[in-house]
Amino acid sequence: MKKNENNRFEQVYVQGKLTSLEIWVDKETGVNYLFRQSGYAGGLTVLLDKDGKPVITPVEK
């Protein structure tokens, strides 16, 4: 996949092929998202910590 510095989201983790888990980080807010794909179906949700708060990666500006 070609990296483009103008993309707002960055993929930081991938596991699996046909059934996959991915973690994406919003480069503006630092919020982490979990994407789950299986065949033609998929879903996206905010990744939460043990207290139910969004996982946030520090963002360099």
Protein backbone atom coordinates (compact mmCIF):
# COMPACT_ATOMS: atom_id res chain seq x y z
CA MET A 1 0.00 0.00 0.00
CA LYS A 2 1.38 3.41 -0.96
CA LYS A 3 1.92 5.76 1.96
CA ASN A 4 0.40 9.22 1.54
CA GLU A 5 1.21 11.90 4.10
CA ASN A 6 -2.15 13.59 3.41
CA ASN A 7 -4.15 10.61 4.72
CA ARG A 8 -5.84 11.32 8.03
CA PHE A 9 -5.72 7.68 9.20
CA GLU A 10 -2.67 5.46 9.61
CA GLN A 11 -2.81 1.67 9.83
CA VAL A 12 -0.59 0.61 12.74
CA TYR A 13 -1.46 -3.09 13.15
CA VAL A 14 -2.71 -5.96 10.95
CA GLN A 15 -3.43 -9.57 11.90
CA GLY A 16 -4.76 -12.20 9.49
CA LYS A 17 -5.64 -12.34 5.79
CA LEU A 18 -9.19 -13.45 4.89
CA THR A 19 -10.37 -12.72 8.41
CA SER A 20 -8.43 -9.76 9.71
CA LEU A 21 -8.10 -7.36 12.60
CA GLU A 22 -6.61 -3.93 12.00
CA ILE A 23 -5.91 -0.95 14.22
CA TRP A 24 -6.09 2.50 12.65
CA VAL A 25 -5.03 5.78 14.29
CA ASP A 26 -6.56 9.16 13.48
CA LYS A 27 -3.47 11.34 12.97
CA GLU A 28 -5.35 14.51 14.00
CA THR A 29 -6.92 13.31 17.27
CA GLY A 30 -4.83 10.23 18.14
CA VAL A 31 -7.98 8.11 18.65
CA ASN A 32 -7.46 4.38 17.87
CA TYR A 33 -10.05 2.39 15.91
CA LEU A 34 -10.46 -1.39 15.60
CA PHE A 35 -11.52 -2.72 12.19
CA ARG A 36 -12.64 -6.36 11.87
CA GLN A 37 -13.12 -7.94 8.45
CA SER A 38 -14.39 -11.38 7.52
CA GLY A 39 -15.03 -12.08 3.83
CA TYR A 40 -17.25 -9.31 2.48
CA ALA A 41 -18.36 -8.10 5.93
CA GLY A 42 -16.58 -5.68 8.22
CA GLY A 43 -17.04 -3.34 11.13
CA LEU A 44 -15.27 -0.38 12.72
CA THR A 45 -15.36 0.76 16.35
CA VAL A 46 -13.40 2.96 18.71
CA LEU A 47 -10.78 0.95 20.63
CA LEU A 48 -11.46 1.28 24.38
CA ASP A 49 -9.21 0.84 27.40
CA LYS A 50 -10.15 -1.07 30.57
CA ASP A 51 -12.05 1.97 31.92
CA GLY A 52 -14.17 2.33 28.77
CA LYS A 53 -12.32 5.42 27.52
CA PRO A 54 -10.94 5.69 23.97
CA VAL A 55 -7.33 4.62 23.48
CA ILE A 56 -5.42 7.71 22.36
CA THR A 57 -1.96 7.71 20.80
CA PRO A 58 0.06 10.92 21.31
CA VAL A 59 0.02 12.98 18.10
CA GLU A 60 3.05 14.88 16.82
CA LYS A 61 2.17 18.25 15.31
